[in-house]
Amino acid sequence: MLKSDAAPLEGDVRIRLRTEVYDALAARKNVTHRAAQAQLHGLDRAHFGRIYTGDRVPTLRTAMRIAADLGTTVDALFVRESAA
């Protein structure tokens, strides 16, 4: 049996982009337009826009790529919330 430090999850859990953190990190890279941000992460502009607005939950791989592209961690860039 695997031991986990994570608390058990009840119900659905989603992650949401911390847009204020994202905007600050993207600005440091001089990438301020959504199309350029999407391109930085290798994503379609519309798909990235939905992640940005919270209409889409990124896969773990995508969340990790976005964080790595900005030189940060998934924990710093995303917040967990219970799904309604």
N, C-alpha and C. Protein backbone atom coordinates (compact mmCIF):
# COMPACT_ATOMS: atom_id res chain seq x y z
N MET A 1 0.84 -1.19 0.00
CA MET A 1 0.00 0.00 0.00
C MET A 1 0.89 1.25 0.00
N LEU A 2 0.53 2.21 -0.81
CA LEU A 2 1.29 3.45 -0.89
C LEU A 2 0.87 4.41 0.21
N LYS A 3 1.85 5.08 0.77
CA LYS A 3 1.57 6.09 1.78
C LYS A 3 1.51 7.44 1.08
N SER A 4 0.54 8.24 1.45
CA SER A 4 0.38 9.55 0.82
C SER A 4 0.27 10.63 1.88
N ASP A 5 0.91 11.76 1.62
CA ASP A 5 0.80 12.91 2.51
C ASP A 5 -0.43 13.74 2.20
N ALA A 6 -1.06 13.47 1.07
CA ALA A 6 -2.22 14.26 0.65
C ALA A 6 -3.44 13.86 1.46
N ALA A 7 -4.23 14.86 1.80
CA ALA A 7 -5.48 14.60 2.50
C ALA A 7 -6.45 13.93 1.54
N PRO A 8 -7.29 13.03 2.05
CA PRO A 8 -8.27 12.40 1.16
C PRO A 8 -9.20 13.45 0.57
N LEU A 9 -9.58 13.26 -0.67
CA LEU A 9 -10.44 14.20 -1.36
C LEU A 9 -11.87 13.70 -1.34
N GLU A 10 -12.77 14.58 -1.02
CA GLU A 10 -14.19 14.24 -1.04
C GLU A 10 -14.84 15.03 -2.16
N GLY A 11 -15.56 14.35 -3.01
CA GLY A 11 -16.20 15.03 -4.14
C GLY A 11 -15.18 15.38 -5.20
N ASP A 12 -15.64 16.10 -6.19
CA ASP A 12 -14.77 16.52 -7.27
C ASP A 12 -13.92 17.70 -6.83
N VAL A 13 -12.68 17.70 -7.24
CA VAL A 13 -11.77 18.80 -6.95
C VAL A 13 -11.26 19.33 -8.28
N ARG A 14 -11.26 20.63 -8.41
CA ARG A 14 -10.79 21.29 -9.62
C ARG A 14 -9.63 22.20 -9.25
N ILE A 15 -8.84 22.56 -10.25
CA ILE A 15 -7.84 23.59 -10.04
C ILE A 15 -8.21 24.78 -10.91
N ARG A 16 -7.86 25.95 -10.42
CA ARG A 16 -8.15 27.20 -11.13
C ARG A 16 -6.87 28.01 -11.20
N LEU A 17 -6.62 28.59 -12.35
CA LEU A 17 -5.45 29.43 -12.55
C LEU A 17 -5.55 30.67 -11.67
N ARG A 18 -4.49 30.98 -10.96
CA ARG A 18 -4.42 32.24 -10.19
C ARG A 18 -4.00 33.31 -11.19
N THR A 19 -4.98 33.98 -11.75
CA THR A 19 -4.71 34.89 -12.87
C THR A 19 -3.78 36.04 -12.48
N GLU A 20 -3.88 36.51 -11.25
CA GLU A 20 -3.01 37.61 -10.83
C GLU A 20 -1.55 37.16 -10.80
N VAL A 21 -1.30 35.94 -10.38
CA VAL A 21 0.05 35.38 -10.37
C VAL A 21 0.50 35.14 -11.81
N TYR A 22 -0.38 34.55 -12.60
CA TYR A 22 -0.05 34.28 -14.00
C TYR A 22 0.32 35.57 -14.72
N ASP A 23 -0.51 36.60 -14.57
CA ASP A 23 -0.27 37.87 -15.27
C ASP A 23 1.08 38.48 -14.88
N ALA A 24 1.42 38.42 -13.60
CA ALA A 24 2.70 38.98 -13.14
C ALA A 24 3.88 38.21 -13.73
N LEU A 25 3.79 36.88 -13.73
CA LEU A 25 4.88 36.08 -14.26
C LEU A 25 4.99 36.22 -15.78
N ALA A 26 3.88 36.29 -16.47
CA ALA A 26 3.90 36.46 -17.92
C ALA A 26 4.47 37.83 -18.28
N ALA A 27 4.13 38.84 -17.50
CA ALA A 27 4.65 40.19 -17.77
C ALA A 27 6.17 40.23 -17.64
N ARG A 28 6.72 39.46 -16.71
CA ARG A 28 8.18 39.40 -16.56
C ARG A 28 8.85 38.86 -17.82
N LYS A 29 8.12 38.04 -18.56
CA LYS A 29 8.63 37.49 -19.81
C LYS A 29 8.18 38.32 -21.02
N ASN A 30 7.53 39.46 -20.75
CA ASN A 30 7.02 40.34 -21.80
C ASN A 30 6.04 39.63 -22.71
N VAL A 31 5.21 38.77 -22.14
CA VAL A 31 4.18 38.05 -22.88
C VAL A 31 2.85 38.44 -22.26
N THR A 32 2.23 39.49 -22.81
CA THR A 32 1.04 40.04 -22.18
C THR A 32 -0.25 39.82 -22.97
N HIS A 33 -0.15 39.40 -24.21
CA HIS A 33 -1.35 39.15 -25.02
C HIS A 33 -1.70 37.68 -24.98
N ARG A 34 -2.99 37.37 -24.90
CA ARG A 34 -3.45 35.98 -24.78
C ARG A 34 -2.92 35.09 -25.90
N ALA A 35 -2.90 35.59 -27.12
CA ALA A 35 -2.41 34.77 -28.24
C ALA A 35 -0.95 34.40 -28.04
N ALA A 36 -0.15 35.35 -27.59
CA ALA A 36 1.28 35.08 -27.35
C ALA A 36 1.45 34.14 -26.15
N GLN A 37 0.60 34.30 -25.15
CA GLN A 37 0.66 33.41 -23.99
C GLN A 37 0.33 31.98 -24.40
N ALA A 38 -0.72 31.82 -25.18
CA ALA A 38 -1.10 30.49 -25.66
C ALA A 38 0.03 29.87 -26.46
N GLN A 39 0.65 30.66 -27.33
CA GLN A 39 1.75 30.17 -28.15
C GLN A 39 2.93 29.75 -27.27
N LEU A 40 3.23 30.52 -26.23
CA LEU A 40 4.31 30.19 -25.31
C LEU A 40 4.12 28.79 -24.72
N HIS A 41 2.88 28.44 -24.44
CA HIS A 41 2.58 27.16 -23.81
C HIS A 41 2.23 26.06 -24.81
N GLY A 42 2.25 26.39 -26.10
CA GLY A 42 1.94 25.40 -27.12
C GLY A 42 0.47 25.02 -27.15
N LEU A 43 -0.38 25.97 -26.82
CA LEU A 43 -1.82 25.72 -26.77
C LEU A 43 -2.56 26.57 -27.79
N ASP A 44 -3.72 26.09 -28.19
CA ASP A 44 -4.61 26.88 -29.02
C ASP A 44 -5.08 28.09 -28.21
N ARG A 45 -5.20 29.24 -28.87
CA ARG A 45 -5.58 30.46 -28.17
C ARG A 45 -6.91 30.32 -27.44
N ALA A 46 -7.90 29.73 -28.09
CA ALA A 46 -9.22 29.58 -27.48
C ALA A 46 -9.16 28.64 -26.27
N HIS A 47 -8.41 27.56 -26.40
CA HIS A 47 -8.30 26.61 -25.28
C HIS A 47 -7.62 27.28 -24.09
N PHE A 48 -6.52 28.01 -24.35
CA PHE A 48 -5.84 28.70 -23.26
C PHE A 48 -6.76 29.75 -22.64
N GLY A 49 -7.53 30.44 -23.47
CA GLY A 49 -8.46 31.43 -22.95
C GLY A 49 -9.47 30.83 -21.99
N ARG A 50 -9.92 29.61 -22.28
CA ARG A 50 -10.87 28.93 -21.39
C ARG A 50 -10.20 28.50 -20.08
N ILE A 51 -8.93 28.11 -20.16
CA ILE A 51 -8.20 27.79 -18.93
C ILE A 51 -8.04 29.07 -18.10
N TYR A 52 -7.69 30.15 -18.77
CA TYR A 52 -7.47 31.43 -18.08
C TYR A 52 -8.74 31.92 -17.37
N THR A 53 -9.88 31.78 -18.02
CA THR A 53 -11.13 32.27 -17.42
C THR A 53 -11.76 31.28 -16.45
N GLY A 54 -11.19 30.07 -16.38
CA GLY A 54 -11.72 29.07 -15.46
C GLY A 54 -12.82 28.21 -16.05
N ASP A 55 -13.08 28.37 -17.35
CA ASP A 55 -14.10 27.55 -18.00
C ASP A 55 -13.60 26.14 -18.30
N ARG A 56 -12.29 25.95 -18.29
CA ARG A 56 -11.67 24.65 -18.53
C ARG A 56 -10.67 24.36 -17.43
N VAL A 57 -10.57 23.10 -17.05
CA VAL A 57 -9.57 22.66 -16.09
C VAL A 57 -8.46 21.99 -16.90
N PRO A 58 -7.22 22.48 -16.77
CA PRO A 58 -6.14 21.87 -17.56
C PRO A 58 -5.79 20.48 -17.04
N THR A 59 -5.25 19.66 -17.92
CA THR A 59 -4.71 18.38 -17.47
C THR A 59 -3.47 18.67 -16.62
N LEU A 60 -3.04 17.69 -15.88
CA LEU A 60 -1.83 17.86 -15.08
C LEU A 60 -0.65 18.19 -15.97
N ARG A 61 -0.55 17.53 -17.11
CA ARG A 61 0.55 17.79 -18.04
C ARG A 61 0.54 19.25 -18.50
N THR A 62 -0.63 19.76 -18.85
CA THR A 62 -0.74 21.14 -19.31
C THR A 62 -0.42 22.12 -18.18
N ALA A 63 -0.94 21.85 -16.98
CA ALA A 63 -0.66 22.72 -15.83
C ALA A 63 0.84 22.76 -15.54
N MET A 64 1.49 21.61 -15.63
CA MET A 64 2.93 21.55 -15.39
C MET A 64 3.70 22.31 -16.46
N ARG A 65 3.25 22.21 -17.71
CA ARG A 65 3.92 22.92 -18.80
C ARG A 65 3.78 24.43 -18.64
N ILE A 66 2.57 24.90 -18.29
CA ILE A 66 2.36 26.33 -18.09
C ILE A 66 3.26 26.83 -16.97
N ALA A 67 3.29 26.10 -15.85
CA ALA A 67 4.12 26.51 -14.72
C ALA A 67 5.60 26.53 -15.11
N ALA A 68 6.06 25.48 -15.79
CA ALA A 68 7.47 25.42 -16.19
C ALA A 68 7.83 26.55 -17.15
N ASP A 69 6.93 26.86 -18.07
CA ASP A 69 7.18 27.94 -19.03
C ASP A 69 7.38 29.28 -18.33
N LEU A 70 6.75 29.42 -17.17
CA LEU A 70 6.85 30.68 -16.42
C LEU A 70 7.85 30.60 -15.27
N GLY A 71 8.52 29.46 -15.13
CA GLY A 71 9.55 29.32 -14.10
C GLY A 71 9.00 29.23 -12.70
N THR A 72 7.85 28.59 -12.56
CA THR A 72 7.24 28.47 -11.24
C THR A 72 6.70 27.05 -11.07
N THR A 73 5.94 26.85 -10.01
CA THR A 73 5.37 25.54 -9.74
C THR A 73 3.87 25.55 -9.97
N VAL A 74 3.30 24.36 -10.12
CA VAL A 74 1.85 24.24 -10.27
C VAL A 74 1.17 24.78 -9.02
N ASP A 75 1.73 24.48 -7.85
CA ASP A 75 1.14 24.95 -6.59
C ASP A 75 1.08 26.47 -6.51
N ALA A 76 2.08 27.13 -7.04
CA ALA A 76 2.11 28.59 -7.00
C ALA A 76 1.15 29.20 -8.01
N LEU A 77 0.91 28.50 -9.10
CA LEU A 77 0.15 29.06 -10.22
C LEU A 77 -1.32 28.68 -10.21
N PHE A 78 -1.66 27.59 -9.54
CA PHE A 78 -3.04 27.11 -9.51
C PHE A 78 -3.50 26.95 -8.08
N VAL A 79 -4.80 27.10 -7.89
CA VAL A 79 -5.41 26.90 -6.57
C VAL A 79 -6.45 25.79 -6.70
N ARG A 80 -6.52 24.93 -5.68
CA ARG A 80 -7.52 23.87 -5.66
C ARG A 80 -8.83 24.40 -5.13
N GLU A 81 -9.92 23.98 -5.75
CA GLU A 81 -11.24 24.33 -5.23
C GLU A 81 -12.17 23.15 -5.42
N SER A 82 -13.14 23.05 -4.56
CA SER A 82 -14.14 21.99 -4.69
C SER A 82 -15.08 22.36 -5.81
N ALA A 83 -15.42 21.38 -6.62
CA ALA A 83 -16.36 21.63 -7.71
C ALA A 83 -17.76 21.78 -7.14
N ALA A 84 -18.50 22.68 -7.73
CA ALA A 84 -19.87 22.91 -7.25
C ALA A 84 -20.83 21.90 -7.80
